[in-house]
Amino acid sequence: MILWLTTFAFSLASALLPFLPIEVYIVGAAASDRTTAAAIALGIAAGAGATVGKVVVYEAARRGSESRWAQKKLSAPKVKATYDKWMGRMQGRPWYGAAVMFLAASAGLPPLLAMAALAGILRMPLWAFVPTVLLGRTIRFTFLFLGVDVAIH
């Protein structure tokens, strides 16, 4: 249980602070418990922690985009054109955003930190954002734990 909570907490911190790579933590944590069940449980813990962290990023970007400073920046013609283009793609098509978010969450391309902020700015529905990030991160981290598990044996 301690390892699960530590994994959750480190993953949350890693989601907010890019200089704390969760992958390095996973190598050490996987070495301490080599079972498949542990890899799955820790993958879920890491996925959940990362999701909570990315929701913080999402909310900060969403609320920050309403500030006077952000509105001034968004009013610049080139920025506004790009913003309007992406809003047009996202409006009424939450599955489009969810597909891009799943790719970012599971493969890391485009970077999830940037995509979480963009999702907040573009007001991607939380009902699409949260499960997509949770599933993508959980799959990614579980595979990493399983990969380390296989490499150790």
C-alpha atoms as a PDB file:
ATOM      1  CA  MET A   1       0.000   0.000   0.000  1.00  0.00           C
ATOM      2  CA  ILE A   2       2.872   2.375   0.775  1.00  0.00           C
ATOM      3  CA  LEU A   3       4.421   1.769  -2.654  1.00  0.00           C
ATOM      4  CA  TRP A   4       1.036   2.394  -4.307  1.00  0.00           C
ATOM      5  CA  LEU A   5       0.596   5.719  -2.458  1.00  0.00           C
ATOM      6  CA  THR A   6       4.177   6.749  -3.132  1.00  0.00           C
ATOM      7  CA  THR A   7       3.727   5.959  -6.822  1.00  0.00           C
ATOM      8  CA  PHE A   8       0.522   8.002  -6.922  1.00  0.00           C
ATOM      9  CA  ALA A   9       2.196  10.959  -5.171  1.00  0.00           C
ATOM     10  CA  PHE A  10       5.347  10.871  -7.324  1.00  0.00           C
ATOM     11  CA  SER A  11       3.272  10.599 -10.476  1.00  0.00           C
ATOM     12  CA  LEU A  12       1.175  13.590  -9.438  1.00  0.00           C
ATOM     13  CA  ALA A  13       4.336  15.604  -8.745  1.00  0.00           C
ATOM     14  CA  SER A  14       5.854  14.459 -12.045  1.00  0.00           C
ATOM     15  CA  ALA A  15       2.737  15.593 -13.907  1.00  0.00           C
ATOM     16  CA  LEU A  16       3.230  19.103 -12.564  1.00  0.00           C
ATOM     17  CA  LEU A  17       7.045  19.260 -12.561  1.00  0.00           C
ATOM     18  CA  PRO A  18       8.532  17.982 -15.823  1.00  0.00           C
ATOM     19  CA  PHE A  19      12.020  17.739 -14.313  1.00  0.00           C
ATOM     20  CA  LEU A  20      10.789  14.783 -12.171  1.00  0.00           C
ATOM     21  CA  PRO A  21      10.547  11.988 -14.753  1.00  0.00           C
ATOM     22  CA  ILE A  22       8.128   9.265 -13.691  1.00  0.00           C
ATOM     23  CA  GLU A  23       9.929   6.762 -15.925  1.00  0.00           C
ATOM     24  CA  VAL A  24      13.022   6.862 -13.692  1.00  0.00           C
ATOM     25  CA  TYR A  25      10.818   6.280 -10.659  1.00  0.00           C
ATOM     26  CA  ILE A  26       9.128   3.336 -12.400  1.00  0.00           C
ATOM     27  CA  VAL A  27      12.461   1.572 -12.906  1.00  0.00           C
ATOM     28  CA  GLY A  28      13.160   1.712  -9.167  1.00  0.00           C
ATOM     29  CA  ALA A  29       9.625   0.867  -8.070  1.00  0.00           C
ATOM     30  CA  ALA A  30       9.368  -2.077 -10.461  1.00  0.00           C
ATOM     31  CA  ALA A  31      12.577  -3.513  -9.059  1.00  0.00           C
ATOM     32  CA  SER A  32      11.037  -3.656  -5.571  1.00  0.00           C
ATOM     33  CA  ASP A  33       8.012  -5.775  -6.562  1.00  0.00           C
ATOM     34  CA  ARG A  34       8.295  -7.960  -9.649  1.00  0.00           C
ATOM     35  CA  THR A  35       4.799  -9.429  -9.923  1.00  0.00           C
ATOM     36  CA  THR A  36       2.394  -8.731 -12.760  1.00  0.00           C
ATOM     37  CA  ALA A  37      -0.330  -7.819 -10.266  1.00  0.00           C
ATOM     38  CA  ALA A  38       1.978  -5.244  -8.691  1.00  0.00           C
ATOM     39  CA  ALA A  39       2.830  -3.821 -12.121  1.00  0.00           C
ATOM     40  CA  ILE A  40      -0.856  -3.379 -12.913  1.00  0.00           C
ATOM     41  CA  ALA A  41      -1.635  -1.854  -9.502  1.00  0.00           C
ATOM     42  CA  LEU A  42       1.302   0.537  -9.754  1.00  0.00           C
ATOM     43  CA  GLY A  43       0.364   1.405 -13.352  1.00  0.00           C
ATOM     44  CA  ILE A  44      -3.088   2.377 -12.102  1.00  0.00           C
ATOM     45  CA  ALA A  45      -1.579   4.412  -9.239  1.00  0.00           C
ATOM     46  CA  ALA A  46       0.781   6.215 -11.613  1.00  0.00           C
ATOM     47  CA  GLY A  47      -2.021   6.802 -14.126  1.00  0.00           C
ATOM     48  CA  ALA A  48      -4.313   8.209 -11.451  1.00  0.00           C
ATOM     49  CA  GLY A  49      -1.622  10.500 -10.044  1.00  0.00           C
ATOM     50  CA  ALA A  50      -0.715  11.786 -13.493  1.00  0.00           C
ATOM     51  CA  THR A  51      -4.374  12.415 -14.271  1.00  0.00           C
ATOM     52  CA  VAL A  52      -4.887  14.476 -11.107  1.00  0.00           C
ATOM     53  CA  GLY A  53      -1.795  16.501 -11.981  1.00  0.00           C
ATOM     54  CA  LYS A  54      -2.944  17.106 -15.539  1.00  0.00           C
ATOM     55  CA  VAL A  55      -6.386  18.211 -14.297  1.00  0.00           C
ATOM     56  CA  VAL A  56      -4.567  20.874 -12.256  1.00  0.00           C
ATOM     57  CA  VAL A  57      -2.768  22.004 -15.436  1.00  0.00           C
ATOM     58  CA  TYR A  58      -6.053  21.905 -17.385  1.00  0.00           C
ATOM     59  CA  GLU A  59      -7.874  24.007 -14.779  1.00  0.00           C
ATOM     60  CA  ALA A  60      -5.031  26.516 -14.455  1.00  0.00           C
ATOM     61  CA  ALA A  61      -4.994  27.004 -18.229  1.00  0.00           C
ATOM     62  CA  ARG A  62      -8.791  27.200 -18.436  1.00  0.00           C
ATOM     63  CA  ARG A  63      -9.049  29.800 -15.686  1.00  0.00           C
ATOM     64  CA  GLY A  64      -5.927  31.630 -16.799  1.00  0.00           C
ATOM     65  CA  SER A  65      -7.264  31.993 -20.339  1.00  0.00           C
ATOM     66  CA  GLU A  66     -10.026  34.182 -18.921  1.00  0.00           C
ATOM     67  CA  SER A  67      -7.561  36.731 -17.474  1.00  0.00           C
ATOM     68  CA  ARG A  68      -7.134  40.158 -19.022  1.00  0.00           C
ATOM     69  CA  TRP A  69      -3.524  39.339 -19.912  1.00  0.00           C
ATOM     70  CA  ALA A  70      -4.545  36.149 -21.758  1.00  0.00           C
ATOM     71  CA  GLN A  71      -7.442  37.847 -23.494  1.00  0.00           C
ATOM     72  CA  LYS A  72      -5.056  40.541 -24.726  1.00  0.00           C
ATOM     73  CA  LYS A  73      -2.686  37.864 -26.062  1.00  0.00           C
ATOM     74  CA  LEU A  74      -5.586  35.955 -27.659  1.00  0.00           C
ATOM     75  CA  SER A  75      -6.728  39.109 -29.432  1.00  0.00           C
ATOM     76  CA  ALA A  76      -3.542  39.276 -31.540  1.00  0.00           C
ATOM     77  CA  PRO A  77      -4.618  38.411 -35.122  1.00  0.00           C
ATOM     78  CA  LYS A  78      -2.273  35.460 -35.655  1.00  0.00           C
ATOM     79  CA  VAL A  79      -2.976  33.942 -32.220  1.00  0.00           C
ATOM     80  CA  LYS A  80      -6.708  34.523 -32.618  1.00  0.00           C
ATOM     81  CA  ALA A  81      -6.712  32.802 -36.016  1.00  0.00           C
ATOM     82  CA  THR A  82      -4.958  29.745 -34.573  1.00  0.00           C
ATOM     83  CA  TYR A  83      -7.242  29.727 -31.529  1.00  0.00           C
ATOM     84  CA  ASP A  84     -10.354  30.000 -33.706  1.00  0.00           C
ATOM     85  CA  LYS A  85      -9.100  27.205 -35.975  1.00  0.00           C
ATOM     86  CA  TRP A  86      -8.626  24.827 -33.029  1.00  0.00           C
ATOM     87  CA  MET A  87     -11.903  25.884 -31.411  1.00  0.00           C
ATOM     88  CA  GLY A  88     -13.631  25.073 -34.698  1.00  0.00           C
ATOM     89  CA  ARG A  89     -12.087  21.605 -34.671  1.00  0.00           C
ATOM     90  CA  MET A  90     -13.018  20.962 -31.039  1.00  0.00           C
ATOM     91  CA  GLN A  91     -16.534  22.439 -30.868  1.00  0.00           C
ATOM     92  CA  GLY A  92     -19.114  19.689 -30.962  1.00  0.00           C
ATOM     93  CA  ARG A  93     -16.447  17.036 -31.569  1.00  0.00           C
ATOM     94  CA  PRO A  94     -15.199  15.941 -28.151  1.00  0.00           C
ATOM     95  CA  TRP A  95     -14.040  12.611 -29.583  1.00  0.00           C
ATOM     96  CA  TYR A  96     -11.576  14.415 -31.843  1.00  0.00           C
ATOM     97  CA  GLY A  97      -9.982  16.045 -28.823  1.00  0.00           C
ATOM     98  CA  ALA A  98     -10.159  12.791 -26.880  1.00  0.00           C
ATOM     99  CA  ALA A  99      -8.290  10.939 -29.643  1.00  0.00           C
ATOM    100  CA  VAL A 100      -5.485  13.514 -29.664  1.00  0.00           C
ATOM    101  CA  MET A 101      -5.417  13.512 -25.847  1.00  0.00           C
ATOM    102  CA  PHE A 102      -5.249   9.688 -25.740  1.00  0.00           C
ATOM    103  CA  LEU A 103      -2.280   9.743 -28.111  1.00  0.00           C
ATOM    104  CA  ALA A 104      -0.531  12.329 -25.937  1.00  0.00           C
ATOM    105  CA  ALA A 105      -1.330  10.410 -22.734  1.00  0.00           C
ATOM    106  CA  SER A 106      -0.285   6.986 -23.994  1.00  0.00           C
ATOM    107  CA  ALA A 107       2.588   7.767 -26.361  1.00  0.00           C
ATOM    108  CA  GLY A 108       3.757  11.142 -25.095  1.00  0.00           C
ATOM    109  CA  LEU A 109       3.407  12.788 -28.510  1.00  0.00           C
ATOM    110  CA  PRO A 110       2.410  15.554 -28.532  1.00  0.00           C
ATOM    111  CA  PRO A 111       3.637  16.251 -24.993  1.00  0.00           C
ATOM    112  CA  LEU A 112       0.818  15.737 -22.507  1.00  0.00           C
ATOM    113  CA  LEU A 113       1.735  18.785 -20.412  1.00  0.00           C
ATOM    114  CA  ALA A 114       1.202  21.066 -23.409  1.00  0.00           C
ATOM    115  CA  MET A 115      -1.925  19.191 -24.485  1.00  0.00           C
ATOM    116  CA  ALA A 116      -3.474  19.434 -21.007  1.00  0.00           C
ATOM    117  CA  ALA A 117      -2.970  23.198 -21.056  1.00  0.00           C
ATOM    118  CA  LEU A 118      -4.350  23.420 -24.581  1.00  0.00           C
ATOM    119  CA  ALA A 119      -7.367  21.323 -23.587  1.00  0.00           C
ATOM    120  CA  GLY A 120      -8.087  23.767 -20.779  1.00  0.00           C
ATOM    121  CA  ILE A 121      -7.730  26.801 -23.019  1.00  0.00           C
ATOM    122  CA  LEU A 122      -9.965  25.210 -25.673  1.00  0.00           C
ATOM    123  CA  ARG A 123     -12.434  24.107 -22.993  1.00  0.00           C
ATOM    124  CA  MET A 124     -12.350  20.400 -23.812  1.00  0.00           C
ATOM    125  CA  PRO A 125     -15.118  18.827 -21.704  1.00  0.00           C
ATOM    126  CA  LEU A 126     -13.766  17.346 -18.475  1.00  0.00           C
ATOM    127  CA  TRP A 127     -15.958  14.276 -19.037  1.00  0.00           C
ATOM    128  CA  ALA A 128     -13.810  13.549 -22.109  1.00  0.00           C
ATOM    129  CA  PHE A 129     -10.473  14.809 -20.752  1.00  0.00           C
ATOM    130  CA  VAL A 130     -10.289  12.887 -17.464  1.00  0.00           C
ATOM    131  CA  PRO A 131     -11.067   9.326 -18.621  1.00  0.00           C
ATOM    132  CA  THR A 132      -8.954   9.732 -21.754  1.00  0.00           C
ATOM    133  CA  VAL A 133      -5.901  10.868 -19.807  1.00  0.00           C
ATOM    134  CA  LEU A 134      -6.481   8.256 -17.076  1.00  0.00           C
ATOM    135  CA  LEU A 135      -6.748   5.410 -19.587  1.00  0.00           C
ATOM    136  CA  GLY A 136      -3.785   6.570 -21.688  1.00  0.00           C
ATOM    137  CA  ARG A 137      -1.479   7.164 -18.732  1.00  0.00           C
ATOM    138  CA  THR A 138      -2.505   3.933 -16.993  1.00  0.00           C
ATOM    139  CA  ILE A 139      -1.805   1.903 -20.129  1.00  0.00           C
ATOM    140  CA  ARG A 140       1.531   3.647 -20.681  1.00  0.00           C
ATOM    141  CA  PHE A 141       2.726   3.227 -17.107  1.00  0.00           C
ATOM    142  CA  THR A 142       1.462  -0.338 -16.750  1.00  0.00           C
ATOM    143  CA  PHE A 143       3.387  -1.305 -19.883  1.00  0.00           C
ATOM    144  CA  LEU A 144       6.465   0.426 -18.498  1.00  0.00           C
ATOM    145  CA  PHE A 145       6.122  -1.460 -15.215  1.00  0.00           C
ATOM    146  CA  LEU A 146       5.597  -4.711 -17.120  1.00  0.00           C
ATOM    147  CA  GLY A 147       8.552  -3.962 -19.382  1.00  0.00           C
ATOM    148  CA  VAL A 148      10.813  -3.413 -16.410  1.00  0.00           C
ATOM    149  CA  ASP A 149       9.358  -6.559 -14.832  1.00  0.00           C
ATOM    150  CA  VAL A 150      10.221  -8.600 -17.920  1.00  0.00           C
ATOM    151  CA  ALA A 151      13.697  -7.063 -18.204  1.00  0.00           C
ATOM    152  CA  ILE A 152      14.546  -7.901 -14.574  1.00  0.00           C
ATOM    153  CA  HIS A 153      13.591 -11.574 -14.838  1.00  0.00           C
END
